[in-house]
Amino acid sequence: MSKVRELEEDFIGKGEVKGFKFTQIKKNNYAYLYAVDTGDMVFFEVFKRVVNNRFNCVSYPRSKSFGKWAKTTRLLVDAHTYFDEYTFLGEEAQYE
Protein backbone atom coordinates (compact mmCIF):
# COMPACT_ATOMS: atom_id res chain seq x y z
CA MET A 1 0.00 0.00 0.00
CA SER A 2 1.33 3.44 -0.85
CA LYS A 3 1.88 6.19 1.69
CA VAL A 4 -1.13 8.39 2.50
CA ARG A 5 -0.81 11.83 0.91
CA GLU A 6 -0.83 14.46 3.65
CA LEU A 7 -2.26 17.96 3.37
CA GLU A 8 -0.11 20.74 1.97
CA GLU A 9 1.50 23.10 4.46
CA ASP A 10 0.49 26.21 2.49
CA PHE A 11 -2.15 26.60 -0.21
CA ILE A 12 -4.68 29.01 -1.69
CA GLY A 13 -8.35 28.06 -1.34
CA LYS A 14 -10.75 27.19 -4.14
CA GLY A 15 -14.54 27.20 -4.40
CA GLU A 16 -16.30 28.86 -1.47
CA VAL A 17 -12.92 29.77 0.08
CA LYS A 18 -11.40 30.99 -3.19
CA GLY A 19 -8.40 33.23 -2.61
CA PHE A 20 -8.07 32.48 1.10
CA LYS A 21 -4.49 31.66 2.19
CA PHE A 22 -4.18 28.54 4.36
CA THR A 23 -1.04 28.02 6.46
CA GLN A 24 -0.46 24.90 8.52
CA ILE A 25 0.60 25.75 12.06
CA LYS A 26 0.57 22.32 13.66
CA LYS A 27 -0.20 18.69 12.86
CA ASN A 28 0.13 15.22 14.33
CA ASN A 29 -1.37 11.78 13.71
CA TYR A 30 -4.76 12.92 14.99
CA ALA A 31 -5.31 16.60 14.15
CA TYR A 32 -4.40 19.64 12.05
CA LEU A 33 -4.34 23.37 12.84
CA TYR A 34 -4.37 25.95 10.04
CA ALA A 35 -4.39 29.75 10.00
CA VAL A 36 -6.76 31.09 7.34
CA ASP A 37 -6.15 34.58 5.94
CA THR A 38 -9.12 35.98 4.02
CA GLY A 39 -7.35 39.23 3.21
CA ASP A 40 -9.58 41.05 5.70
CA MET A 41 -9.10 38.85 8.76
CA VAL A 42 -7.30 35.78 10.08
CA PHE A 43 -9.00 32.88 11.82
CA PHE A 44 -8.05 29.32 12.68
CA GLU A 45 -9.40 25.95 11.60
CA VAL A 46 -8.76 22.83 13.63
CA PHE A 47 -9.88 19.39 12.56
CA LYS A 48 -9.42 15.68 13.04
CA ARG A 49 -7.09 13.86 10.68
CA VAL A 50 -9.50 11.96 8.41
CA VAL A 51 -8.03 9.65 5.79
CA ASN A 52 -9.97 9.26 2.53
CA ASN A 53 -9.21 5.62 1.68
CA ARG A 54 -10.69 5.95 -1.80
CA PHE A 55 -8.09 8.54 -2.83
CA ASN A 56 -5.41 7.56 -0.27
CA CYS A 57 -5.14 11.08 1.14
CA VAL A 58 -6.05 13.17 4.17
CA SER A 59 -9.23 15.20 3.65
CA TYR A 60 -9.57 18.90 4.43
CA PRO A 61 -13.02 19.51 5.92
CA ARG A 62 -15.80 21.11 3.89
CA SER A 63 -18.13 23.65 5.48
CA LYS A 64 -20.64 20.93 6.50
CA SER A 65 -17.90 19.22 8.56
CA PHE A 66 -17.53 22.13 10.98
CA GLY A 67 -19.26 21.31 14.22
CA LYS A 68 -18.78 17.59 13.58
CA TRP A 69 -15.06 16.84 13.17
CA ALA A 70 -13.78 20.38 12.59
CA LYS A 71 -13.91 23.69 14.46
CA THR A 72 -13.11 27.30 13.67
CA THR A 73 -12.13 30.16 15.97
CA ARG A 74 -10.69 33.66 15.83
CA LEU A 75 -8.47 32.98 18.86
CA LEU A 76 -5.22 31.04 18.51
CA VAL A 77 -5.34 29.96 22.16
CA ASP A 78 -8.74 28.32 21.54
CA ALA A 79 -7.39 26.67 18.39
CA HIS A 80 -4.58 25.07 20.40
CA THR A 81 -7.13 23.84 22.95
CA TYR A 82 -9.24 22.24 20.19
CA PHE A 83 -6.10 20.68 18.70
CA ASP A 84 -5.17 19.20 22.08
CA GLU A 85 -8.73 17.84 22.51
CA TYR A 86 -8.69 16.11 19.10
CA THR A 87 -5.23 14.72 19.87
CA PHE A 88 -6.35 13.36 23.24
CA LEU A 89 -9.45 11.76 21.71
CA GLY A 90 -7.35 10.19 18.95
CA GLU A 91 -4.83 8.80 21.40
CA GLU A 92 -7.59 7.52 23.68
CA ALA A 93 -9.35 5.76 20.78
CA GLN A 94 -6.12 3.95 20.01
CA TYR A 95 -6.41 2.03 23.30
CA GLU A 96 -10.07 1.05 23.08
PDB file of N, CA and C in Angstrom:
ATOM      1  N   MET A   1       0.845  -1.184   0.000  1.00  0.00           N
ATOM      2  CA  MET A   1       0.000   0.000   0.000  1.00  0.00           C
ATOM      3  C   MET A   1       0.886   1.242   0.000  1.00  0.00           C
ATOM      4  N   SER A   2       0.527   2.226  -0.775  1.00  0.00           N
ATOM      5  CA  SER A   2       1.329   3.441  -0.854  1.00  0.00           C
ATOM      6  C   SER A   2       1.047   4.354   0.332  1.00  0.00           C
ATOM      7  N   LYS A   3       1.976   5.250   0.578  1.00  0.00           N
ATOM      8  CA  LYS A   3       1.877   6.187   1.693  1.00  0.00           C
ATOM      9  C   LYS A   3       0.707   7.150   1.477  1.00  0.00           C
ATOM     10  N   VAL A   4      -0.008   7.457   2.553  1.00  0.00           N
ATOM     11  CA  VAL A   4      -1.134   8.389   2.496  1.00  0.00           C
ATOM     12  C   VAL A   4      -0.601   9.787   2.213  1.00  0.00           C
ATOM     13  N   ARG A   5      -1.221  10.461   1.251  1.00  0.00           N
ATOM     14  CA  ARG A   5      -0.812  11.831   0.908  1.00  0.00           C
ATOM     15  C   ARG A   5      -1.363  12.794   1.951  1.00  0.00           C
ATOM     16  N   GLU A   6      -0.461  13.499   2.605  1.00  0.00           N
ATOM     17  CA  GLU A   6      -0.833  14.460   3.649  1.00  0.00           C
ATOM     18  C   GLU A   6      -1.265  15.780   3.014  1.00  0.00           C
ATOM     19  N   LEU A   7      -1.841  16.643   3.832  1.00  0.00           N
ATOM     20  CA  LEU A   7      -2.255  17.964   3.369  1.00  0.00           C
ATOM     21  C   LEU A   7      -1.041  18.859   3.149  1.00  0.00           C
ATOM     22  N   GLU A   8      -1.181  19.789   2.236  1.00  0.00           N
ATOM     23  CA  GLU A   8      -0.112  20.745   1.972  1.00  0.00           C
ATOM     24  C   GLU A   8       0.039  21.681   3.163  1.00  0.00           C
ATOM     25  N   GLU A   9       1.261  22.169   3.357  1.00  0.00           N
ATOM     26  CA  GLU A   9       1.500  23.103   4.456  1.00  0.00           C
ATOM     27  C   GLU A   9       0.927  24.480   4.149  1.00  0.00           C
ATOM     28  N   ASP A  10       1.013  24.909   2.911  1.00  0.00           N
ATOM     29  CA  ASP A  10       0.487  26.208   2.488  1.00  0.00           C
ATOM     30  C   ASP A  10      -0.246  26.030   1.168  1.00  0.00           C
ATOM     31  N   PHE A  11      -1.429  26.651   1.057  1.00  0.00           N
ATOM     32  CA  PHE A  11      -2.154  26.601  -0.210  1.00  0.00           C
ATOM     33  C   PHE A  11      -3.177  27.723  -0.260  1.00  0.00           C
ATOM     34  N   ILE A  12      -3.648  28.002  -1.455  1.00  0.00           N
ATOM     35  CA  ILE A  12      -4.684  29.008  -1.691  1.00  0.00           C
ATOM     36  C   ILE A  12      -6.000  28.273  -1.931  1.00  0.00           C
ATOM     37  N   GLY A  13      -7.058  28.720  -1.262  1.00  0.00           N
ATOM     38  CA  GLY A  13      -8.354  28.062  -1.337  1.00  0.00           C
ATOM     39  C   GLY A  13      -9.021  28.169  -2.697  1.00  0.00           C
ATOM     40  N   LYS A  14      -9.937  27.239  -2.923  1.00  0.00           N
ATOM     41  CA  LYS A  14     -10.747  27.190  -4.143  1.00  0.00           C
ATOM     42  C   LYS A  14     -12.213  27.120  -3.740  1.00  0.00           C
ATOM     43  N   GLY A  15     -13.108  27.305  -4.678  1.00  0.00           N
ATOM     44  CA  GLY A  15     -14.539  27.198  -4.401  1.00  0.00           C
ATOM     45  C   GLY A  15     -15.009  28.272  -3.452  1.00  0.00           C
ATOM     46  N   GLU A  16     -15.731  27.878  -2.399  1.00  0.00           N
ATOM     47  CA  GLU A  16     -16.297  28.856  -1.474  1.00  0.00           C
ATOM     48  C   GLU A  16     -15.246  29.578  -0.633  1.00  0.00           C
ATOM     49  N   VAL A  17     -14.019  29.101  -0.638  1.00  0.00           N
ATOM     50  CA  VAL A  17     -12.921  29.773   0.080  1.00  0.00           C
ATOM     51  C   VAL A  17     -11.863  30.274  -0.916  1.00  0.00           C
ATOM     52  N   LYS A  18     -12.300  30.547  -2.119  1.00  0.00           N
ATOM     53  CA  LYS A  18     -11.396  30.985  -3.185  1.00  0.00           C
ATOM     54  C   LYS A  18     -10.594  32.222  -2.758  1.00  0.00           C
ATOM     55  N   GLY A  19      -9.285  32.120  -2.910  1.00  0.00           N
ATOM     56  CA  GLY A  19      -8.395  33.231  -2.607  1.00  0.00           C
ATOM     57  C   GLY A  19      -7.908  33.277  -1.168  1.00  0.00           C
ATOM     58  N   PHE A  20      -8.514  32.505  -0.282  1.00  0.00           N
ATOM     59  CA  PHE A  20      -8.065  32.479   1.102  1.00  0.00           C
ATOM     60  C   PHE A  20      -6.708  31.776   1.160  1.00  0.00           C
ATOM     61  N   LYS A  21      -5.811  32.275   2.022  1.00  0.00           N
ATOM     62  CA  LYS A  21      -4.490  31.660   2.188  1.00  0.00           C
ATOM     63  C   LYS A  21      -4.510  30.784   3.440  1.00  0.00           C
ATOM     64  N   PHE A  22      -4.200  29.511   3.271  1.00  0.00           N
ATOM     65  CA  PHE A  22      -4.178  28.535   4.356  1.00  0.00           C
ATOM     66  C   PHE A  22      -2.728  28.210   4.706  1.00  0.00           C
ATOM     67  N   THR A  23      -2.403  28.301   5.989  1.00  0.00           N
ATOM     68  CA  THR A  23      -1.044  28.025   6.457  1.00  0.00           C
ATOM     69  C   THR A  23      -1.113  27.054   7.629  1.00  0.00           C
ATOM     70  N   GLN A  24      -0.466  25.912   7.466  1.00  0.00           N
ATOM     71  CA  GLN A  24      -0.461  24.901   8.522  1.00  0.00           C
ATOM     72  C   GLN A  24       0.424  25.378   9.677  1.00  0.00           C
ATOM     73  N   ILE A  25      -0.142  25.353  10.873  1.00  0.00           N
ATOM     74  CA  ILE A  25       0.600  25.755  12.064  1.00  0.00           C
ATOM     75  C   ILE A  25       1.098  24.528  12.820  1.00  0.00           C
ATOM     76  N   LYS A  26       0.267  23.479  12.836  1.00  0.00           N
ATOM     77  CA  LYS A  26       0.571  22.320  13.664  1.00  0.00           C
ATOM     78  C   LYS A  26      -0.159  21.105  13.111  1.00  0.00           C
ATOM     79  N   LYS A  27       0.470  19.937  13.242  1.00  0.00           N
ATOM     80  CA  LYS A  27      -0.202  18.691  12.862  1.00  0.00           C
ATOM     81  C   LYS A  27       0.393  17.544  13.661  1.00  0.00           C
ATOM     82  N   ASN A  28      -0.372  16.478  13.781  1.00  0.00           N
ATOM     83  CA  ASN A  28       0.126  15.225  14.334  1.00  0.00           C
ATOM     84  C   ASN A  28      -0.693  14.096  13.716  1.00  0.00           C
ATOM     85  N   ASN A  29      -0.648  12.921  14.289  1.00  0.00           N
ATOM     86  CA  ASN A  29      -1.366  11.777  13.714  1.00  0.00           C
ATOM     87  C   ASN A  29      -2.872  11.856  13.894  1.00  0.00           C
ATOM     88  N   TYR A  30      -3.350  12.852  14.656  1.00  0.00           N
ATOM     89  CA  TYR A  30      -4.762  12.920  14.988  1.00  0.00           C
ATOM     90  C   TYR A  30      -5.454  14.214  14.582  1.00  0.00           C
ATOM     91  N   ALA A  31      -4.684  15.296  14.368  1.00  0.00           N
ATOM     92  CA  ALA A  31      -5.314  16.596  14.148  1.00  0.00           C
ATOM     93  C   ALA A  31      -4.424  17.536  13.331  1.00  0.00           C
ATOM     94  N   TYR A  32      -5.081  18.578  12.796  1.00  0.00           N
ATOM     95  CA  TYR A  32      -4.405  19.644  12.052  1.00  0.00           C
ATOM     96  C   TYR A  32      -4.881  20.989  12.585  1.00  0.00           C
ATOM     97  N   LEU A  33      -4.005  21.986  12.492  1.00  0.00           N
ATOM     98  CA  LEU A  33      -4.344  23.366  12.841  1.00  0.00           C
ATOM     99  C   LEU A  33      -3.820  24.265  11.734  1.00  0.00           C
ATOM    100  N   TYR A  34      -4.722  25.036  11.124  1.00  0.00           N
ATOM    101  CA  TYR A  34      -4.374  25.954  10.038  1.00  0.00           C
ATOM    102  C   TYR A  34      -4.802  27.373  10.387  1.00  0.00           C
ATOM    103  N   ALA A  35      -3.986  28.342   9.990  1.00  0.00           N
ATOM    104  CA  ALA A  35      -4.389  29.747   9.996  1.00  0.00           C
ATOM    105  C   ALA A  35      -4.986  30.017   8.626  1.00  0.00           C
ATOM    106  N   VAL A  36      -6.085  30.754   8.596  1.00  0.00           N
ATOM    107  CA  VAL A  36      -6.757  31.088   7.343  1.00  0.00           C
ATOM    108  C   VAL A  36      -6.814  32.606   7.228  1.00  0.00           C
ATOM    109  N   ASP A  37      -6.192  33.132   6.179  1.00  0.00           N
ATOM    110  CA  ASP A  37      -6.152  34.578   5.941  1.00  0.00           C
ATOM    111  C   ASP A  37      -7.070  34.897   4.772  1.00  0.00           C
ATOM    112  N   THR A  38      -8.147  35.637   5.060  1.00  0.00           N
ATOM    113  CA  THR A  38      -9.122  35.977   4.023  1.00  0.00           C
ATOM    114  C   THR A  38      -8.730  37.244   3.260  1.00  0.00           C
ATOM    115  N   GLY A  39      -7.711  37.932   3.764  1.00  0.00           N
ATOM    116  CA  GLY A  39      -7.348  39.225   3.208  1.00  0.00           C
ATOM    117  C   GLY A  39      -7.874  40.352   4.081  1.00  0.00           C
ATOM    118  N   ASP A  40      -8.979  40.092   4.775  1.00  0.00           N
ATOM    119  CA  ASP A  40      -9.581  41.054   5.702  1.00  0.00           C
ATOM    120  C   ASP A  40      -9.378  40.659   7.156  1.00  0.00           C
ATOM    121  N   MET A  41      -9.248  39.351   7.393  1.00  0.00           N
ATOM    122  CA  MET A  41      -9.100  38.849   8.755  1.00  0.00           C
ATOM    123  C   MET A  41      -8.397  37.500   8.739  1.00  0.00           C
ATOM    124  N   VAL A  42      -7.927  37.095   9.909  1.00  0.00           N
ATOM    125  CA  VAL A  42      -7.298  35.782  10.077  1.00  0.00           C
ATOM    126  C   VAL A  42      -8.095  35.025  11.130  1.00  0.00           C
ATOM    127  N   PHE A  43      -8.372  33.759  10.847  1.00  0.00           N
ATOM    128  CA  PHE A  43      -8.998  32.880  11.824  1.00  0.00           C
ATOM    129  C   PHE A  43      -8.311  31.530  11.738  1.00  0.00           C
ATOM    130  N   PHE A  44      -8.735  30.602  12.579  1.00  0.00           N
ATOM    131  CA  PHE A  44      -8.050  29.321  12.679  1.00  0.00           C
ATOM    132  C   PHE A  44      -9.036  28.173  12.517  1.00  0.00           C
ATOM    133  N   GLU A  45      -8.603  27.155  11.786  1.00  0.00           N
ATOM    134  CA  GLU A  45      -9.402  25.950  11.596  1.00  0.00           C
ATOM    135  C   GLU A  45      -8.637  24.771  12.179  1.00  0.00           C
ATOM    136  N   VAL A  46      -9.338  23.997  12.983  1.00  0.00           N
ATOM    137  CA  VAL A  46      -8.762  22.828  13.634  1.00  0.00           C
ATOM    138  C   VAL A  46      -9.664  21.648  13.299  1.00  0.00           C
ATOM    139  N   PHE A  47      -9.057  20.530  12.944  1.00  0.00           N
ATOM    140  CA  PHE A  47      -9.884  19.387  12.562  1.00  0.00           C
ATOM    141  C   PHE A  47      -9.153  18.076  12.772  1.00  0.00           C
ATOM    142  N   LYS A  48      -9.962  17.026  12.895  1.00  0.00           N
ATOM    143  CA  LYS A  48      -9.417  15.681  13.039  1.00  0.00           C
ATOM    144  C   LYS A  48      -8.750  15.257  11.737  1.00  0.00           C
ATOM    145  N   ARG A  49      -7.749  14.434  11.861  1.00  0.00           N
ATOM    146  CA  ARG A  49      -7.091  13.858  10.679  1.00  0.00           C
ATOM    147  C   ARG A  49      -7.990  12.723  10.180  1.00  0.00           C
ATOM    148  N   VAL A  50      -8.594  12.943   9.015  1.00  0.00           N
ATOM    149  CA  VAL A  50      -9.497  11.961   8.414  1.00  0.00           C
ATOM    150  C   VAL A  50      -8.881  11.498   7.095  1.00  0.00           C
ATOM    151  N   VAL A  51      -8.621  10.203   7.000  1.00  0.00           N
ATOM    152  CA  VAL A  51      -8.025   9.646   5.786  1.00  0.00           C
ATOM    153  C   VAL A  51      -9.134   9.196   4.838  1.00  0.00           C
ATOM    154  N   ASN A  52      -9.054   9.669   3.594  1.00  0.00           N
ATOM    155  CA  ASN A  52      -9.966   9.260   2.534  1.00  0.00           C
ATOM    156  C   ASN A  52      -9.320   8.045   1.868  1.00  0.00           C
ATOM    157  N   ASN A  53      -9.806   6.859   2.207  1.00  0.00           N
ATOM    158  CA  ASN A  53      -9.209   5.621   1.681  1.00  0.00           C
ATOM    159  C   ASN A  53      -9.396   5.470   0.175  1.00  0.00           C
ATOM    160  N   ARG A  54     -10.445   6.052  -0.355  1.00  0.00           N
ATOM    161  CA  ARG A  54     -10.693   5.950  -1.797  1.00  0.00           C
ATOM    162  C   ARG A  54      -9.573   6.613  -2.600  1.00  0.00           C
ATOM    163  N   PHE A  55      -9.119   7.788  -2.120  1.00  0.00           N
ATOM    164  CA  PHE A  55      -8.088   8.537  -2.833  1.00  0.00           C
ATOM    165  C   PHE A  55      -6.734   8.500  -2.127  1.00  0.00           C
ATOM    166  N   ASN A  56      -6.655   7.742  -1.016  1.00  0.00           N
ATOM    167  CA  ASN A  56      -5.414   7.562  -0.270  1.00  0.00           C
ATOM    168  C   ASN A  56      -4.787   8.898   0.132  1.00  0.00           C
ATOM    169  N   CYS A  57      -5.623   9.758   0.717  1.00  0.00           N
ATOM    170  CA  CYS A  57      -5.135  11.075   1.141  1.00  0.00           C
ATOM    171  C   CYS A  57      -5.903  11.544   2.375  1.00  0.00           C
ATOM    172  N   VAL A  58      -5.356  12.549   3.056  1.00  0.00           N
ATOM    173  CA  VAL A  58      -6.045  13.173   4.175  1.00  0.00           C
ATOM    174  C   VAL A  58      -7.007  14.204   3.592  1.00  0.00           C
ATOM    175  N   SER A  59      -8.210  14.274   4.141  1.00  0.00           N
ATOM    176  CA  SER A  59      -9.231  15.204   3.653  1.00  0.00           C
ATOM    177  C   SER A  59      -9.250  16.488   4.466  1.00  0.00           C
ATOM    178  N   TYR A  60      -9.325  17.626   3.766  1.00  0.00           N
ATOM    179  CA  TYR A  60      -9.566  18.902   4.435  1.00  0.00           C
ATOM    180  C   TYR A  60     -11.076  19.030   4.573  1.00  0.00           C
ATOM    181  N   PRO A  61     -11.572  19.462   5.728  1.00  0.00           N
ATOM    182  CA  PRO A  61     -13.024  19.509   5.922  1.00  0.00           C
ATOM    183  C   PRO A  61     -13.728  20.525   5.029  1.00  0.00           C
ATOM    184  N   ARG A  62     -14.919  20.186   4.603  1.00  0.00           N
ATOM    185  CA  ARG A  62     -15.797  21.112   3.887  1.00  0.00           C
ATOM    186  C   ARG A  62     -16.633  21.842   4.938  1.00  0.00           C
ATOM    187  N   SER A  63     -17.361  22.836   4.532  1.00  0.00           N
ATOM    188  CA  SER A  63     -18.129  23.648   5.483  1.00  0.00           C
ATOM    189  C   SER A  63     -19.097  22.809   6.323  1.00  0.00           C
ATOM    190  N   LYS A  64     -19.689  21.758   5.744  1.00  0.00           N
ATOM    191  CA  LYS A  64     -20.642  20.933   6.498  1.00  0.00           C
ATOM    192  C   LYS A  64     -19.969  20.096   7.592  1.00  0.00           C
ATOM    193  N   SER A  65     -18.644  19.995   7.564  1.00  0.00           N
ATOM    194  CA  SER A  65     -17.904  19.217   8.563  1.00  0.00           C
ATOM    195  C   SER A  65     -17.683  19.985   9.863  1.00  0.00           C
ATOM    196  N   PHE A  66     -17.775  21.322   9.786  1.00  0.00           N
ATOM    197  CA  PHE A  66     -17.531  22.130  10.976  1.00  0.00           C
ATOM    198  C   PHE A  66     -18.678  21.941  11.956  1.00  0.00           C
ATOM    199  N   GLY A  67     -18.295  21.657  13.192  1.00  0.00           N
ATOM    200  CA  GLY A  67     -19.263  21.306  14.221  1.00  0.00           C
ATOM    201  C   GLY A  67     -19.345  19.805  14.418  1.00  0.00           C
ATOM    202  N   LYS A  68     -18.803  19.052  13.476  1.00  0.00           N
ATOM    203  CA  LYS A  68     -18.784  17.589  13.580  1.00  0.00           C
ATOM    204  C   LYS A  68     -17.368  17.116  13.893  1.00  0.00           C
ATOM    205  N   TRP A  69     -16.449  17.245  12.939  1.00  0.00           N
ATOM    206  CA  TRP A  69     -15.061  16.840  13.166  1.00  0.00           C
ATOM    207  C   TRP A  69     -14.080  17.976  12.870  1.00  0.00           C
ATOM    208  N   ALA A  70     -14.609  19.189  12.823  1.00  0.00           N
ATOM    209  CA  ALA A  70     -13.779  20.380  12.594  1.00  0.00           C
ATOM    210  C   ALA A  70     -14.364  21.564  13.357  1.00  0.00           C
ATOM    211  N   LYS A  71     -13.480  22.484  13.741  1.00  0.00           N
ATOM    212  CA  LYS A  71     -13.907  23.692  14.459  1.00  0.00           C
ATOM    213  C   LYS A  71     -13.161  24.890  13.897  1.00  0.00           C
ATOM    214  N   THR A  72     -13.751  26.060  14.088  1.00  0.00           N
ATOM    215  CA  THR A  72     -13.112  27.301  13.674  1.00  0.00           C
ATOM    216  C   THR A  72     -13.189  28.301  14.820  1.00  0.00           C
ATOM    217  N   THR A  73     -12.181  29.158  14.915  1.00  0.00           N
ATOM    218  CA  THR A  73     -12.134  30.155  15.971  1.00  0.00           C
ATOM    219  C   THR A  73     -11.266  31.333  15.535  1.00  0.00           C
ATOM    220  N   ARG A  74     -11.520  32.483  16.111  1.00  0.00           N
ATOM    221  CA  ARG A  74     -10.691  33.661  15.833  1.00  0.00           C
ATOM    222  C   ARG A  74      -9.495  33.718  16.770  1.00  0.00           C
ATOM    223  N   LEU A  75      -9.516  32.922  17.851  1.00  0.00           N
ATOM    224  CA  LEU A  75      -8.467  32.978  18.861  1.00  0.00           C
ATOM    225  C   LEU A  75      -7.504  31.795  18.746  1.00  0.00           C
ATOM    226  N   LEU A  76      -6.220  32.091  18.624  1.00  0.00           N
ATOM    227  CA  LEU A  76      -5.216  31.040  18.510  1.00  0.00           C
ATOM    228  C   LEU A  76      -5.180  30.162  19.761  1.00  0.00           C
ATOM    229  N   VAL A  77      -5.359  30.747  20.934  1.00  0.00           N
ATOM    230  CA  VAL A  77      -5.336  29.963  22.164  1.00  0.00           C
ATOM    231  C   VAL A  77      -6.459  28.920  22.157  1.00  0.00           C
ATOM    232  N   ASP A  78      -7.638  29.287  21.657  1.00  0.00           N
ATOM    233  CA  ASP A  78      -8.739  28.319  21.537  1.00  0.00           C
ATOM    234  C   ASP A  78      -8.409  27.245  20.509  1.00  0.00           C
ATOM    235  N   ALA A  79      -7.773  27.638  19.434  1.00  0.00           N
ATOM    236  CA  ALA A  79      -7.394  26.672  18.392  1.00  0.00           C
ATOM    237  C   ALA A  79      -6.455  25.614  18.960  1.00  0.00           C
ATOM    238  N   HIS A  80      -5.493  26.025  19.774  1.00  0.00           N
ATOM    239  CA  HIS A  80      -4.580  25.066  20.401  1.00  0.00           C
ATOM    240  C   HIS A  80      -5.327  24.142  21.359  1.00  0.00           C
ATOM    241  N   THR A  81      -6.314  24.673  22.057  1.00  0.00           N
ATOM    242  CA  THR A  81      -7.129  23.842  22.951  1.00  0.00           C
ATOM    243  C   THR A  81      -7.899  22.793  22.161  1.00  0.00           C
ATOM    244  N   TYR A  82      -8.529  23.192  21.052  1.00  0.00           N
ATOM    245  CA  TYR A  82      -9.241  22.237  20.194  1.00  0.00           C
ATOM    246  C   TYR A  82      -8.288  21.174  19.642  1.00  0.00           C
ATOM    247  N   PHE A  83      -7.111  21.606  19.217  1.00  0.00           N
ATOM    248  CA  PHE A  83      -6.098  20.684  18.697  1.00  0.00           C
ATOM    249  C   PHE A  83      -5.748  19.643  19.761  1.00  0.00           C
ATOM    250  N   ASP A  84      -5.511  20.110  20.985  1.00  0.00           N
ATOM    251  CA  ASP A  84      -5.171  19.195  22.080  1.00  0.00           C
ATOM    252  C   ASP A  84      -6.322  18.230  22.364  1.00  0.00           C
ATOM    253  N   GLU A  85      -7.571  18.704  22.284  1.00  0.00           N
ATOM    254  CA  GLU A  85      -8.732  17.836  22.505  1.00  0.00           C
ATOM    255  C   GLU A  85      -8.805  16.745  21.443  1.00  0.00           C
ATOM    256  N   TYR A  86      -8.652  17.109  20.178  1.00  0.00           N
ATOM    257  CA  TYR A  86      -8.690  16.114  19.102  1.00  0.00           C
ATOM    258  C   TYR A  86      -7.543  15.123  19.240  1.00  0.00           C
ATOM    259  N   THR A  87      -6.382  15.605  19.665  1.00  0.00           N
ATOM    260  CA  THR A  87      -5.234  14.721  19.868  1.00  0.00           C
ATOM    261  C   THR A  87      -5.514  13.730  20.989  1.00  0.00           C
ATOM    262  N   PHE A  88      -6.026  14.226  22.105  1.00  0.00           N
ATOM    263  CA  PHE A  88      -6.348  13.361  23.241  1.00  0.00           C
ATOM    264  C   PHE A  88      -7.363  12.301  22.835  1.00  0.00           C
ATOM    265  N   LEU A  89      -8.421  12.704  22.134  1.00  0.00           N
ATOM    266  CA  LEU A  89      -9.451  11.756  21.713  1.00  0.00           C
ATOM    267  C   LEU A  89      -8.875  10.708  20.760  1.00  0.00           C
ATOM    268  N   GLY A  90      -7.982  11.128  19.873  1.00  0.00           N
ATOM    269  CA  GLY A  90      -7.349  10.195  18.952  1.00  0.00           C
ATOM    270  C   GLY A  90      -6.465   9.191  19.670  1.00  0.00           C
ATOM    271  N   GLU A  91      -5.696   9.679  20.637  1.00  0.00           N
ATOM    272  CA  GLU A  91      -4.828   8.795  21.403  1.00  0.00           C
ATOM    273  C   GLU A  91      -5.649   7.835  22.247  1.00  0.00           C
ATOM    274  N   GLU A  92      -6.718   8.336  22.855  1.00  0.00           N
ATOM    275  CA  GLU A  92      -7.587   7.516  23.679  1.00  0.00           C
ATOM    276  C   GLU A  92      -8.255   6.410  22.848  1.00  0.00           C
ATOM    277  N   ALA A  93      -8.688   6.738  21.654  1.00  0.00           N
ATOM    278  CA  ALA A  93      -9.345   5.762  20.776  1.00  0.00           C
ATOM    279  C   ALA A  93      -8.397   4.636  20.394  1.00  0.00           C
ATOM    280  N   GLN A  94      -7.137   4.933  20.377  1.00  0.00           N
ATOM    281  CA  GLN A  94      -6.119   3.945  20.013  1.00  0.00           C
ATOM    282  C   GLN A  94      -6.097   2.782  21.005  1.00  0.00           C
ATOM    283  N   TYR A  95      -6.495   3.047  22.242  1.00  0.00           N
ATOM    284  CA  TYR A  95      -6.409   2.028  23.305  1.00  0.00           C
ATOM    285  C   TYR A  95      -7.742   1.366  23.600  1.00  0.00           C
ATOM    286  N   GLU A  96      -8.759   1.684  22.854  1.00  0.00           N
ATOM    287  CA  GLU A  96     -10.070   1.051  23.075  1.00  0.00           C
ATOM    288  C   GLU A  96     -10.169  -0.279  22.394  1.00  0.00           C
TER     289      GLU A  96
END
